Amino acid sequence: MILKHREGPGRVTLAMHPGRILLPKTLKRISEQAGLSIEEFTELL
């Protein structure tokens, strides 16, 4: 999954692996880098 930052240049790439669970801290960091709230990010998954 590739997410484009809303307000600036850049992208966040997220490798999806079946059966693997994202840790809460990892989820938070990815959403911050993408400029999304946790709720917005989880809707995309």
C-alpha atoms as a PDB file:
ATOM      1  CA  MET A   1       0.000   0.000   0.000  1.00  0.00           C
ATOM      2  CA  ILE A   2       1.355   3.448  -0.902  1.00  0.00           C
ATOM      3  CA  LEU A   3      -0.074   6.523   0.817  1.00  0.00           C
ATOM      4  CA  LYS A   4       0.506  10.059  -0.462  1.00  0.00           C
ATOM      5  CA  HIS A   5       0.932  12.807   2.143  1.00  0.00           C
ATOM      6  CA  ARG A   6      -2.023  15.220   2.031  1.00  0.00           C
ATOM      7  CA  GLU A   7      -0.188  18.471   2.707  1.00  0.00           C
ATOM      8  CA  GLY A   8       3.263  18.010   1.256  1.00  0.00           C
ATOM      9  CA  PRO A   9       5.421  16.003  -1.063  1.00  0.00           C
ATOM     10  CA  GLY A  10       6.299  12.446  -0.254  1.00  0.00           C
ATOM     11  CA  ARG A  11       4.816   9.009   0.095  1.00  0.00           C
ATOM     12  CA  VAL A  12       4.607   6.363   2.780  1.00  0.00           C
ATOM     13  CA  THR A  13       4.969   2.750   1.643  1.00  0.00           C
ATOM     14  CA  LEU A  14       3.446   0.017   3.778  1.00  0.00           C
ATOM     15  CA  ALA A  15       4.211  -3.646   3.113  1.00  0.00           C
ATOM     16  CA  MET A  16       1.181  -5.811   3.849  1.00  0.00           C
ATOM     17  CA  HIS A  17       1.901  -9.345   5.102  1.00  0.00           C
ATOM     18  CA  PRO A  18      -0.976 -11.790   5.652  1.00  0.00           C
ATOM     19  CA  GLY A  19      -1.206 -12.961   9.246  1.00  0.00           C
ATOM     20  CA  ARG A  20       1.006 -10.164  10.600  1.00  0.00           C
ATOM     21  CA  ILE A  21      -0.451  -7.624  13.007  1.00  0.00           C
ATOM     22  CA  LEU A  22       0.724  -4.013  13.135  1.00  0.00           C
ATOM     23  CA  LEU A  23       1.785  -2.905  16.583  1.00  0.00           C
ATOM     24  CA  PRO A  24      -0.050   0.181  17.897  1.00  0.00           C
ATOM     25  CA  LYS A  25       3.141   2.271  17.878  1.00  0.00           C
ATOM     26  CA  THR A  26       3.875   1.267  14.271  1.00  0.00           C
ATOM     27  CA  LEU A  27       0.308   2.100  13.237  1.00  0.00           C
ATOM     28  CA  LYS A  28       0.586   5.527  14.878  1.00  0.00           C
ATOM     29  CA  ARG A  29       3.916   6.327  13.185  1.00  0.00           C
ATOM     30  CA  ILE A  30       2.657   5.296   9.751  1.00  0.00           C
ATOM     31  CA  SER A  31      -0.511   7.376  10.105  1.00  0.00           C
ATOM     32  CA  GLU A  32       1.533  10.395  11.267  1.00  0.00           C
ATOM     33  CA  GLN A  33       3.883  10.085   8.286  1.00  0.00           C
ATOM     34  CA  ALA A  34       0.913   9.882   5.915  1.00  0.00           C
ATOM     35  CA  GLY A  35      -0.815  12.864   7.557  1.00  0.00           C
ATOM     36  CA  LEU A  36      -3.847  10.773   8.521  1.00  0.00           C
ATOM     37  CA  SER A  37      -5.658  10.202  11.787  1.00  0.00           C
ATOM     38  CA  ILE A  38      -5.725   6.635  13.124  1.00  0.00           C
ATOM     39  CA  GLU A  39      -9.394   6.374  12.092  1.00  0.00           C
ATOM     40  CA  GLU A  40      -8.711   7.567   8.534  1.00  0.00           C
ATOM     41  CA  PHE A  41      -5.795   5.148   8.216  1.00  0.00           C
ATOM     42  CA  THR A  42      -7.724   2.110   9.476  1.00  0.00           C
ATOM     43  CA  GLU A  43     -10.556   2.859   7.025  1.00  0.00           C
ATOM     44  CA  LEU A  44      -8.020   2.465   4.193  1.00  0.00           C
ATOM     45  CA  LEU A  45      -6.991  -0.981   5.424  1.00  0.00           C
END
